[in-house]
Every structure is written in C-alpha cells, then in structure tokens.
Amino acid sequence: MFGREYLDDWANDEHGWLRKFYPPGQDEPYFDVTSLAQKAIEWLLSLRQQVFIGTESRLITVFELLHQIVECFETDPKLRLAEPQRRKAEIEQEIIRVQKG
C-alpha cells in the first residue's frame, strides 16, 4: 500500500480515523484527524503522564498508617518506646553494614 491508499483507507466509513475533504478550488484532498481519533490519541498520551501506584504499595501504606495510629494511642511509656528503639536498632545495624562496605 502507498501513502495515499493508507490515507483513503483511514478516512473510509469502516475506520473513520481521518476526515477527507477538498478545500474550495483545490483538486488535492486534505485530511483532518476526526474528533474520536483525537480523543484516542489524547488518552494514549495521558497514559504516559500517570504515576502508577500498585495495590501492594497502597496496602503497605494502609498498614503503616494503622500502625502509627496504634502507636499514638498507646498509654504505657514502655510500650511506646519499644517501636522507636526497634527502629533505632535497625538503623544502627544499617550504619554498621554501610561502614563495612
């Protein structure tokens, strides 16, 4: 197929991606993208711009928030200190691993 045949095919009633018209006083056809084809192109371009947040990361966020809520409402000081001390120990272990290379 040649370029002209593709344009005619895309402008036919079966596809309808292009609108074929002849401007006044012209023998050569002109082509415009139809509104439906333009919407499809815009939709495809919008896919690149969206940031995908997977279900797993949303679930992890929910659990982290619930964990923080539980920590905030704990009245026993020993229990409230347990979690920060656990995180502190993890950070110290990571520092040691980084220093060792």
PDB file of N, CA and C in Angstrom:
ATOM      1  N   MET A   1       0.829  -1.187   0.000  1.00  0.00           N
ATOM      2  CA  MET A   1       0.000   0.000   0.000  1.00  0.00           C
ATOM      3  C   MET A   1       0.873   1.250   0.000  1.00  0.00           C
ATOM      4  N   PHE A   2       0.431   2.233  -0.721  1.00  0.00           N
ATOM      5  CA  PHE A   2       1.132   3.508  -0.768  1.00  0.00           C
ATOM      6  C   PHE A   2       0.487   4.478   0.223  1.00  0.00           C
ATOM      7  N   GLY A   3       1.155   5.592   0.479  1.00  0.00           N
ATOM      8  CA  GLY A   3       0.684   6.571   1.450  1.00  0.00           C
ATOM      9  C   GLY A   3      -0.733   7.041   1.175  1.00  0.00           C
ATOM     10  N   ARG A   4      -1.054   7.318  -0.082  1.00  0.00           N
ATOM     11  CA  ARG A   4      -2.384   7.803  -0.449  1.00  0.00           C
ATOM     12  C   ARG A   4      -3.441   6.748  -0.139  1.00  0.00           C
ATOM     13  N   GLU A   5      -3.108   5.480  -0.383  1.00  0.00           N
ATOM     14  CA  GLU A   5      -4.058   4.396  -0.107  1.00  0.00           C
ATOM     15  C   GLU A   5      -4.314   4.256   1.397  1.00  0.00           C
ATOM     16  N   TYR A   6      -3.253   4.436   2.202  1.00  0.00           N
ATOM     17  CA  TYR A   6      -3.442   4.410   3.652  1.00  0.00           C
ATOM     18  C   TYR A   6      -4.381   5.534   4.087  1.00  0.00           C
ATOM     19  N   LEU A   7      -4.140   6.735   3.573  1.00  0.00           N
ATOM     20  CA  LEU A   7      -4.986   7.862   3.949  1.00  0.00           C
ATOM     21  C   LEU A   7      -6.442   7.614   3.562  1.00  0.00           C
ATOM     22  N   ASP A   8      -6.663   7.115   2.351  1.00  0.00           N
ATOM     23  CA  ASP A   8      -8.029   6.817   1.918  1.00  0.00           C
ATOM     24  C   ASP A   8      -8.655   5.732   2.784  1.00  0.00           C
ATOM     25  N   ASP A   9      -7.862   4.720   3.146  1.00  0.00           N
ATOM     26  CA  ASP A   9      -8.359   3.630   3.992  1.00  0.00           C
ATOM     27  C   ASP A   9      -8.734   4.152   5.376  1.00  0.00           C
ATOM     28  N   TRP A  10      -7.896   5.011   5.945  1.00  0.00           N
ATOM     29  CA  TRP A  10      -8.157   5.539   7.281  1.00  0.00           C
ATOM     30  C   TRP A  10      -9.324   6.525   7.288  1.00  0.00           C
ATOM     31  N   ALA A  11      -9.653   7.063   6.105  1.00  0.00           N
ATOM     32  CA  ALA A  11     -10.752   8.025   6.014  1.00  0.00           C
ATOM     33  C   ALA A  11     -12.071   7.365   5.607  1.00  0.00           C
ATOM     34  N   ASN A  12     -12.052   6.072   5.294  1.00  0.00           N
ATOM     35  CA  ASN A  12     -13.302   5.440   4.855  1.00  0.00           C
ATOM     36  C   ASN A  12     -14.257   5.242   6.031  1.00  0.00           C
ATOM     37  N   ASP A  13     -15.489   4.846   5.711  1.00  0.00           N
ATOM     38  CA  ASP A  13     -16.524   4.703   6.746  1.00  0.00           C
ATOM     39  C   ASP A  13     -16.206   3.593   7.743  1.00  0.00           C
ATOM     40  N   GLU A  14     -15.447   2.593   7.315  1.00  0.00           N
ATOM     41  CA  GLU A  14     -15.119   1.482   8.209  1.00  0.00           C
ATOM     42  C   GLU A  14     -14.207   1.931   9.351  1.00  0.00           C
ATOM     43  N   HIS A  15     -13.209   2.766   9.026  1.00  0.00           N
ATOM     44  CA  HIS A  15     -12.256   3.207  10.042  1.00  0.00           C
ATOM     45  C   HIS A  15     -12.632   4.558  10.627  1.00  0.00           C
ATOM     46  N   GLY A  16     -12.763   5.552   9.804  1.00  0.00           N
ATOM     47  CA  GLY A  16     -13.185   6.869  10.247  1.00  0.00           C
ATOM     48  C   GLY A  16     -12.192   7.602  11.130  1.00  0.00           C
ATOM     49  N   TRP A  17     -10.916   7.316  10.976  1.00  0.00           N
ATOM     50  CA  TRP A  17      -9.910   7.998  11.789  1.00  0.00           C
ATOM     51  C   TRP A  17      -9.588   9.379  11.227  1.00  0.00           C
ATOM     52  N   LEU A  18      -9.753   9.515   9.912  1.00  0.00           N
ATOM     53  CA  LEU A  18      -9.479  10.785   9.245  1.00  0.00           C
ATOM     54  C   LEU A  18     -10.721  11.269   8.515  1.00  0.00           C
ATOM     55  N   ARG A  19     -10.770  12.586   8.316  1.00  0.00           N
ATOM     56  CA  ARG A  19     -11.836  13.186   7.515  1.00  0.00           C
ATOM     57  C   ARG A  19     -11.185  13.695   6.234  1.00  0.00           C
ATOM     58  N   LYS A  20     -11.683  13.234   5.129  1.00  0.00           N
ATOM     59  CA  LYS A  20     -11.140  13.626   3.826  1.00  0.00           C
ATOM     60  C   LYS A  20     -12.031  14.718   3.250  1.00  0.00           C
ATOM     61  N   PHE A  21     -11.414  15.819   2.802  1.00  0.00           N
ATOM     62  CA  PHE A  21     -12.192  16.904   2.208  1.00  0.00           C
ATOM     63  C   PHE A  21     -11.349  17.623   1.158  1.00  0.00           C
ATOM     64  N   TYR A  22     -12.051  18.344   0.308  1.00  0.00           N
ATOM     65  CA  TYR A  22     -11.399  19.128  -0.734  1.00  0.00           C
ATOM     66  C   TYR A  22     -11.683  20.601  -0.465  1.00  0.00           C
ATOM     67  N   PRO A  23     -10.666  21.388  -0.176  1.00  0.00           N
ATOM     68  CA  PRO A  23     -10.893  22.821   0.019  1.00  0.00           C
ATOM     69  C   PRO A  23     -11.379  23.456  -1.286  1.00  0.00           C
ATOM     70  N   PRO A  24     -12.111  24.538  -1.171  1.00  0.00           N
ATOM     71  CA  PRO A  24     -12.625  25.198  -2.397  1.00  0.00           C
ATOM     72  C   PRO A  24     -11.488  25.533  -3.363  1.00  0.00           C
ATOM     73  N   GLY A  25     -11.693  25.149  -4.602  1.00  0.00           N
ATOM     74  CA  GLY A  25     -10.726  25.447  -5.653  1.00  0.00           C
ATOM     75  C   GLY A  25      -9.509  24.533  -5.660  1.00  0.00           C
ATOM     76  N   GLN A  26      -9.506  23.449  -4.885  1.00  0.00           N
ATOM     77  CA  GLN A  26      -8.370  22.528  -4.827  1.00  0.00           C
ATOM     78  C   GLN A  26      -8.761  21.173  -5.406  1.00  0.00           C
ATOM     79  N   ASP A  27      -7.804  20.561  -6.100  1.00  0.00           N
ATOM     80  CA  ASP A  27      -8.019  19.219  -6.624  1.00  0.00           C
ATOM     81  C   ASP A  27      -7.423  18.156  -5.715  1.00  0.00           C
ATOM     82  N   GLU A  28      -6.528  18.557  -4.846  1.00  0.00           N
ATOM     83  CA  GLU A  28      -5.878  17.617  -3.932  1.00  0.00           C
ATOM     84  C   GLU A  28      -6.706  17.497  -2.647  1.00  0.00           C
ATOM     85  N   PRO A  29      -6.898  16.261  -2.195  1.00  0.00           N
ATOM     86  CA  PRO A  29      -7.651  16.106  -0.946  1.00  0.00           C
ATOM     87  C   PRO A  29      -6.812  16.516   0.270  1.00  0.00           C
ATOM     88  N   TYR A  30      -7.494  16.993   1.282  1.00  0.00           N
ATOM     89  CA  TYR A  30      -6.886  17.306   2.567  1.00  0.00           C
ATOM     90  C   TYR A  30      -7.460  16.328   3.589  1.00  0.00           C
ATOM     91  N   PHE A  31      -6.710  16.086   4.642  1.00  0.00           N
ATOM     92  CA  PHE A  31      -7.143  15.151   5.678  1.00  0.00           C
ATOM     93  C   PHE A  31      -7.026  15.808   7.047  1.00  0.00           C
ATOM     94  N   ASP A  32      -8.032  15.586   7.866  1.00  0.00           N
ATOM     95  CA  ASP A  32      -8.031  16.018   9.262  1.00  0.00           C
ATOM     96  C   ASP A  32      -8.255  14.795  10.138  1.00  0.00           C
ATOM     97  N   VAL A  33      -7.718  14.845  11.335  1.00  0.00           N
ATOM     98  CA  VAL A  33      -7.991  13.794  12.308  1.00  0.00           C
ATOM     99  C   VAL A  33      -9.401  14.020  12.844  1.00  0.00           C
ATOM    100  N   THR A  34     -10.191  12.954  12.935  1.00  0.00           N
ATOM    101  CA  THR A  34     -11.544  13.093  13.483  1.00  0.00           C
ATOM    102  C   THR A  34     -11.474  13.324  14.986  1.00  0.00           C
ATOM    103  N   SER A  35     -12.561  13.801  15.553  1.00  0.00           N
ATOM    104  CA  SER A  35     -12.574  14.089  16.994  1.00  0.00           C
ATOM    105  C   SER A  35     -12.398  12.812  17.809  1.00  0.00           C
ATOM    106  N   LEU A  36     -12.966  11.703  17.351  1.00  0.00           N
ATOM    107  CA  LEU A  36     -12.801  10.439  18.078  1.00  0.00           C
ATOM    108  C   LEU A  36     -11.353   9.962  18.039  1.00  0.00           C
ATOM    109  N   ALA A  37     -10.706  10.114  16.892  1.00  0.00           N
ATOM    110  CA  ALA A  37      -9.293   9.733  16.796  1.00  0.00           C
ATOM    111  C   ALA A  37      -8.444  10.651  17.674  1.00  0.00           C
ATOM    112  N   GLN A  38      -8.777  11.936  17.725  1.00  0.00           N
ATOM    113  CA  GLN A  38      -8.041  12.877  18.568  1.00  0.00           C
ATOM    114  C   GLN A  38      -8.199  12.513  20.036  1.00  0.00           C
ATOM    115  N   LYS A  39      -9.396  12.128  20.452  1.00  0.00           N
ATOM    116  CA  LYS A  39      -9.609  11.714  21.838  1.00  0.00           C
ATOM    117  C   LYS A  39      -8.804  10.459  22.164  1.00  0.00           C
ATOM    118  N   ALA A  40      -8.741   9.534  21.224  1.00  0.00           N
ATOM    119  CA  ALA A  40      -7.958   8.314  21.437  1.00  0.00           C
ATOM    120  C   ALA A  40      -6.476   8.639  21.584  1.00  0.00           C
ATOM    121  N   ILE A  41      -5.980   9.552  20.785  1.00  0.00           N
ATOM    122  CA  ILE A  41      -4.575   9.957  20.866  1.00  0.00           C
ATOM    123  C   ILE A  41      -4.303  10.642  22.204  1.00  0.00           C
ATOM    124  N   GLU A  42      -5.198  11.528  22.619  1.00  0.00           N
ATOM    125  CA  GLU A  42      -5.029  12.212  23.905  1.00  0.00           C
ATOM    126  C   GLU A  42      -5.047  11.214  25.055  1.00  0.00           C
ATOM    127  N   TRP A  43      -5.910  10.210  24.959  1.00  0.00           N
ATOM    128  CA  TRP A  43      -5.976   9.193  26.003  1.00  0.00           C
ATOM    129  C   TRP A  43      -4.660   8.420  26.071  1.00  0.00           C
ATOM    130  N   LEU A  44      -4.126   8.056  24.915  1.00  0.00           N
ATOM    131  CA  LEU A  44      -2.845   7.343  24.888  1.00  0.00           C
ATOM    132  C   LEU A  44      -1.731   8.198  25.477  1.00  0.00           C
ATOM    133  N   LEU A  45      -1.713   9.482  25.161  1.00  0.00           N
ATOM    134  CA  LEU A  45      -0.682  10.368  25.702  1.00  0.00           C
ATOM    135  C   LEU A  45      -0.842  10.531  27.212  1.00  0.00           C
ATOM    136  N   SER A  46      -2.062  10.492  27.705  1.00  0.00           N
ATOM    137  CA  SER A  46      -2.279  10.648  29.143  1.00  0.00           C
ATOM    138  C   SER A  46      -1.753   9.444  29.924  1.00  0.00           C
ATOM    139  N   LEU A  47      -1.634   8.301  29.280  1.00  0.00           N
ATOM    140  CA  LEU A  47      -1.123   7.114  29.961  1.00  0.00           C
ATOM    141  C   LEU A  47       0.322   7.296  30.396  1.00  0.00           C
ATOM    142  N   ARG A  48       1.095   8.031  29.623  1.00  0.00           N
ATOM    143  CA  ARG A  48       2.498   8.270  29.973  1.00  0.00           C
ATOM    144  C   ARG A  48       2.615   9.150  31.201  1.00  0.00           C
ATOM    145  N   GLN A  49       1.662  10.043  31.411  1.00  0.00           N
ATOM    146  CA  GLN A  49       1.771  11.038  32.461  1.00  0.00           C
ATOM    147  C   GLN A  49       1.320  10.520  33.818  1.00  0.00           C
ATOM    148  N   GLN A  50       0.559   9.455  33.848  1.00  0.00           N
ATOM    149  CA  GLN A  50       0.041   8.962  35.112  1.00  0.00           C
ATOM    150  C   GLN A  50       1.104   8.177  35.862  1.00  0.00           C
ATOM    151  N   VAL A  51       1.131   8.393  37.145  1.00  0.00           N
ATOM    152  CA  VAL A  51       2.031   7.642  38.006  1.00  0.00           C
ATOM    153  C   VAL A  51       1.264   6.432  38.511  1.00  0.00           C
ATOM    154  N   PHE A  52       1.824   5.273  38.291  1.00  0.00           N
ATOM    155  CA  PHE A  52       1.155   4.053  38.710  1.00  0.00           C
ATOM    156  C   PHE A  52       1.500   3.754  40.158  1.00  0.00           C
ATOM    157  N   ILE A  53       0.479   3.588  40.960  1.00  0.00           N
ATOM    158  CA  ILE A  53       0.661   3.179  42.344  1.00  0.00           C
ATOM    159  C   ILE A  53       0.008   1.820  42.474  1.00  0.00           C
ATOM    160  N   GLY A  54       0.813   0.816  42.683  1.00  0.00           N
ATOM    161  CA  GLY A  54       0.298  -0.542  42.750  1.00  0.00           C
ATOM    162  C   GLY A  54      -0.511  -0.797  44.005  1.00  0.00           C
ATOM    163  N   THR A  55      -1.336  -1.803  43.928  1.00  0.00           N
ATOM    164  CA  THR A  55      -2.176  -2.179  45.055  1.00  0.00           C
ATOM    165  C   THR A  55      -1.329  -2.538  46.274  1.00  0.00           C
ATOM    166  N   GLU A  56      -0.211  -3.196  46.039  1.00  0.00           N
ATOM    167  CA  GLU A  56       0.638  -3.601  47.158  1.00  0.00           C
ATOM    168  C   GLU A  56       1.156  -2.387  47.927  1.00  0.00           C
ATOM    169  N   SER A  57       1.599  -1.351  47.203  1.00  0.00           N
ATOM    170  CA  SER A  57       2.121  -0.172  47.891  1.00  0.00           C
ATOM    171  C   SER A  57       1.008   0.554  48.639  1.00  0.00           C
ATOM    172  N   ARG A  58      -0.206   0.549  48.109  1.00  0.00           N
ATOM    173  CA  ARG A  58      -1.330   1.156  48.825  1.00  0.00           C
ATOM    174  C   ARG A  58      -1.628   0.380  50.091  1.00  0.00           C
ATOM    175  N   LEU A  59      -1.564  -0.932  50.000  1.00  0.00           N
ATOM    176  CA  LEU A  59      -1.829  -1.771  51.164  1.00  0.00           C
ATOM    177  C   LEU A  59      -0.765  -1.546  52.237  1.00  0.00           C
ATOM    178  N   ILE A  60       0.481  -1.435  51.824  1.00  0.00           N
ATOM    179  CA  ILE A  60       1.563  -1.171  52.774  1.00  0.00           C
ATOM    180  C   ILE A  60       1.324   0.176  53.463  1.00  0.00           C
ATOM    181  N   THR A  61       0.905   1.174  52.697  1.00  0.00           N
ATOM    182  CA  THR A  61       0.620   2.489  53.277  1.00  0.00           C
ATOM    183  C   THR A  61      -0.491   2.407  54.313  1.00  0.00           C
ATOM    184  N   VAL A  62      -1.536   1.646  54.018  1.00  0.00           N
ATOM    185  CA  VAL A  62      -2.639   1.489  54.965  1.00  0.00           C
ATOM    186  C   VAL A  62      -2.136   0.854  56.257  1.00  0.00           C
ATOM    187  N   PHE A  63      -1.337  -0.194  56.149  1.00  0.00           N
ATOM    188  CA  PHE A  63      -0.820  -0.853  57.343  1.00  0.00           C
ATOM    189  C   PHE A  63       0.098   0.070  58.146  1.00  0.00           C
ATOM    190  N   GLU A  64       0.925   0.851  57.451  1.00  0.00           N
ATOM    191  CA  GLU A  64       1.804   1.784  58.159  1.00  0.00           C
ATOM    192  C   GLU A  64       0.990   2.834  58.917  1.00  0.00           C
ATOM    193  N   LEU A  65      -0.059   3.336  58.278  1.00  0.00           N
ATOM    194  CA  LEU A  65      -0.903   4.330  58.951  1.00  0.00           C
ATOM    195  C   LEU A  65      -1.619   3.730  60.154  1.00  0.00           C
ATOM    196  N   LEU A  66      -2.121   2.514  59.998  1.00  0.00           N
ATOM    197  CA  LEU A  66      -2.769   1.855  61.138  1.00  0.00           C
ATOM    198  C   LEU A  66      -1.775   1.639  62.278  1.00  0.00           C
ATOM    199  N   HIS A  67      -0.571   1.256  61.940  1.00  0.00           N
ATOM    200  CA  HIS A  67       0.470   1.043  62.947  1.00  0.00           C
ATOM    201  C   HIS A  67       0.773   2.354  63.688  1.00  0.00           C
ATOM    202  N   GLN A  68       0.849   3.460  62.942  1.00  0.00           N
ATOM    203  CA  GLN A  68       1.101   4.758  63.571  1.00  0.00           C
ATOM    204  C   GLN A  68      -0.045   5.160  64.496  1.00  0.00           C
ATOM    205  N   ILE A  69      -1.263   4.865  64.094  1.00  0.00           N
ATOM    206  CA  ILE A  69      -2.422   5.182  64.938  1.00  0.00           C
ATOM    207  C   ILE A  69      -2.344   4.409  66.250  1.00  0.00           C
ATOM    208  N   VAL A  70      -2.014   3.132  66.156  1.00  0.00           N
ATOM    209  CA  VAL A  70      -1.904   2.308  67.364  1.00  0.00           C
ATOM    210  C   VAL A  70      -0.818   2.860  68.280  1.00  0.00           C
ATOM    211  N   GLU A  71       0.328   3.249  67.698  1.00  0.00           N
ATOM    212  CA  GLU A  71       1.427   3.802  68.497  1.00  0.00           C
ATOM    213  C   GLU A  71       1.012   5.084  69.212  1.00  0.00           C
ATOM    214  N   CYS A  72       0.273   5.924  68.550  1.00  0.00           N
ATOM    215  CA  CYS A  72      -0.116   7.210  69.135  1.00  0.00           C
ATOM    216  C   CYS A  72      -1.074   7.045  70.316  1.00  0.00           C
ATOM    217  N   PHE A  73      -1.881   6.006  70.319  1.00  0.00           N
ATOM    218  CA  PHE A  73      -2.868   5.826  71.368  1.00  0.00           C
ATOM    219  C   PHE A  73      -2.397   4.919  72.505  1.00  0.00           C
ATOM    220  N   GLU A  74      -1.161   4.449  72.412  1.00  0.00           N
ATOM    221  CA  GLU A  74      -0.615   3.620  73.487  1.00  0.00           C
ATOM    222  C   GLU A  74      -0.286   4.517  74.683  1.00  0.00           C
ATOM    223  N   THR A  75      -0.764   4.124  75.867  1.00  0.00           N
ATOM    224  CA  THR A  75      -0.540   4.949  77.067  1.00  0.00           C
ATOM    225  C   THR A  75       0.642   4.477  77.896  1.00  0.00           C
ATOM    226  N   ASP A  76       1.030   3.232  77.744  1.00  0.00           N
ATOM    227  CA  ASP A  76       2.148   2.692  78.522  1.00  0.00           C
ATOM    228  C   ASP A  76       3.461   3.182  77.907  1.00  0.00           C
ATOM    229  N   PRO A  77       4.263   3.962  78.652  1.00  0.00           N
ATOM    230  CA  PRO A  77       5.513   4.504  78.094  1.00  0.00           C
ATOM    231  C   PRO A  77       6.486   3.428  77.633  1.00  0.00           C
ATOM    232  N   LYS A  78       6.538   2.303  78.321  1.00  0.00           N
ATOM    233  CA  LYS A  78       7.462   1.234  77.910  1.00  0.00           C
ATOM    234  C   LYS A  78       7.080   0.685  76.544  1.00  0.00           C
ATOM    235  N   LEU A  79       5.772   0.506  76.325  1.00  0.00           N
ATOM    236  CA  LEU A  79       5.321   0.001  75.025  1.00  0.00           C
ATOM    237  C   LEU A  79       5.509   1.047  73.928  1.00  0.00           C
ATOM    238  N   ARG A  80       5.345   2.309  74.262  1.00  0.00           N
ATOM    239  CA  ARG A  80       5.538   3.363  73.260  1.00  0.00           C
ATOM    240  C   ARG A  80       7.005   3.469  72.863  1.00  0.00           C
ATOM    241  N   LEU A  81       7.916   3.166  73.776  1.00  0.00           N
ATOM    242  CA  LEU A  81       9.345   3.231  73.482  1.00  0.00           C
ATOM    243  C   LEU A  81       9.841   2.021  72.694  1.00  0.00           C
ATOM    244  N   ALA A  82       9.116   0.932  72.754  1.00  0.00           N
ATOM    245  CA  ALA A  82       9.581  -0.304  72.117  1.00  0.00           C
ATOM    246  C   ALA A  82       9.770  -0.135  70.610  1.00  0.00           C
ATOM    247  N   GLU A  83       8.817   0.462  69.930  1.00  0.00           N
ATOM    248  CA  GLU A  83       8.914   0.613  68.473  1.00  0.00           C
ATOM    249  C   GLU A  83      10.039   1.560  68.063  1.00  0.00           C
ATOM    250  N   PRO A  84      10.169   2.742  68.657  1.00  0.00           N
ATOM    251  CA  PRO A  84      11.304   3.598  68.268  1.00  0.00           C
ATOM    252  C   PRO A  84      12.659   2.948  68.556  1.00  0.00           C
ATOM    253  N   GLN A  85      12.752   2.186  69.628  1.00  0.00           N
ATOM    254  CA  GLN A  85      14.012   1.507  69.930  1.00  0.00           C
ATOM    255  C   GLN A  85      14.304   0.414  68.901  1.00  0.00           C
ATOM    256  N   ARG A  86      13.276  -0.264  68.446  1.00  0.00           N
ATOM    257  CA  ARG A  86      13.451  -1.283  67.400  1.00  0.00           C
ATOM    258  C   ARG A  86      13.956  -0.634  66.112  1.00  0.00           C
ATOM    259  N   ARG A  87      13.345   0.493  65.734  1.00  0.00           N
ATOM    260  CA  ARG A  87      13.777   1.205  64.522  1.00  0.00           C
ATOM    261  C   ARG A  87      15.207   1.724  64.687  1.00  0.00           C
ATOM    262  N   LYS A  88      15.538   2.203  65.892  1.00  0.00           N
ATOM    263  CA  LYS A  88      16.886   2.692  66.169  1.00  0.00           C
ATOM    264  C   LYS A  88      17.909   1.577  65.979  1.00  0.00           C
ATOM    265  N   ALA A  89      17.589   0.377  66.494  1.00  0.00           N
ATOM    266  CA  ALA A  89      18.491  -0.768  66.347  1.00  0.00           C
ATOM    267  C   ALA A  89      18.677  -1.124  64.873  1.00  0.00           C
ATOM    268  N   GLU A  90      17.601  -1.064  64.083  1.00  0.00           N
ATOM    269  CA  GLU A  90      17.703  -1.346  62.643  1.00  0.00           C
ATOM    270  C   GLU A  90      18.603  -0.332  61.959  1.00  0.00           C
ATOM    271  N   ILE A  91      18.437   0.937  62.311  1.00  0.00           N
ATOM    272  CA  ILE A  91      19.257   1.990  61.707  1.00  0.00           C
ATOM    273  C   ILE A  91      20.724   1.801  62.082  1.00  0.00           C
ATOM    274  N   GLU A  92      20.989   1.478  63.334  1.00  0.00           N
ATOM    275  CA  GLU A  92      22.372   1.255  63.760  1.00  0.00           C
ATOM    276  C   GLU A  92      22.994   0.074  63.022  1.00  0.00           C
ATOM    277  N   GLN A  93      22.223  -0.980  62.805  1.00  0.00           N
ATOM    278  CA  GLN A  93      22.724  -2.126  62.042  1.00  0.00           C
ATOM    279  C   GLN A  93      23.020  -1.728  60.595  1.00  0.00           C
ATOM    280  N   GLU A  94      22.173  -0.918  60.025  1.00  0.00           N
ATOM    281  CA  GLU A  94      22.396  -0.464  58.650  1.00  0.00           C
ATOM    282  C   GLU A  94      23.655   0.398  58.569  1.00  0.00           C
ATOM    283  N   ILE A  95      23.855   1.260  59.555  1.00  0.00           N
ATOM    284  CA  ILE A  95      25.061   2.097  59.592  1.00  0.00           C
ATOM    285  C   ILE A  95      26.308   1.217  59.636  1.00  0.00           C
ATOM    286  N   ILE A  96      26.281   0.179  60.454  1.00  0.00           N
ATOM    287  CA  ILE A  96      27.428  -0.746  60.560  1.00  0.00           C
ATOM    288  C   ILE A  96      27.679  -1.428  59.217  1.00  0.00           C
ATOM    289  N   ARG A  97      26.589  -1.889  58.548  1.00  0.00           N
ATOM    290  CA  ARG A  97      26.746  -2.556  57.229  1.00  0.00           C
ATOM    291  C   ARG A  97      27.341  -1.610  56.206  1.00  0.00           C
ATOM    292  N   VAL A  98      26.901  -0.358  56.219  1.00  0.00           N
ATOM    293  CA  VAL A  98      27.423   0.626  55.247  1.00  0.00           C
ATOM    294  C   VAL A  98      28.893   0.920  55.532  1.00  0.00           C
ATOM    295  N   GLN A  99      29.232   1.041  56.798  1.00  0.00           N
ATOM    296  CA  GLN A  99      30.621   1.319  57.145  1.00  0.00           C
ATOM    297  C   GLN A  99      31.544   0.159  56.759  1.00  0.00           C
ATOM    298  N   LYS A 100      31.050  -1.057  56.851  1.00  0.00           N
ATOM    299  CA  LYS A 100      31.849  -2.224  56.469  1.00  0.00           C
ATOM    300  C   LYS A 100      31.935  -2.377  54.962  1.00  0.00           C
ATOM    301  N   GLY A 101      31.019  -1.716  54.254  1.00  0.00           N
ATOM    302  CA  GLY A 101      31.033  -1.777  52.794  1.00  0.00           C
ATOM    303  C   GLY A 101      30.214  -2.886  52.289  1.00  0.00           C
TER     304      GLY A 101
END
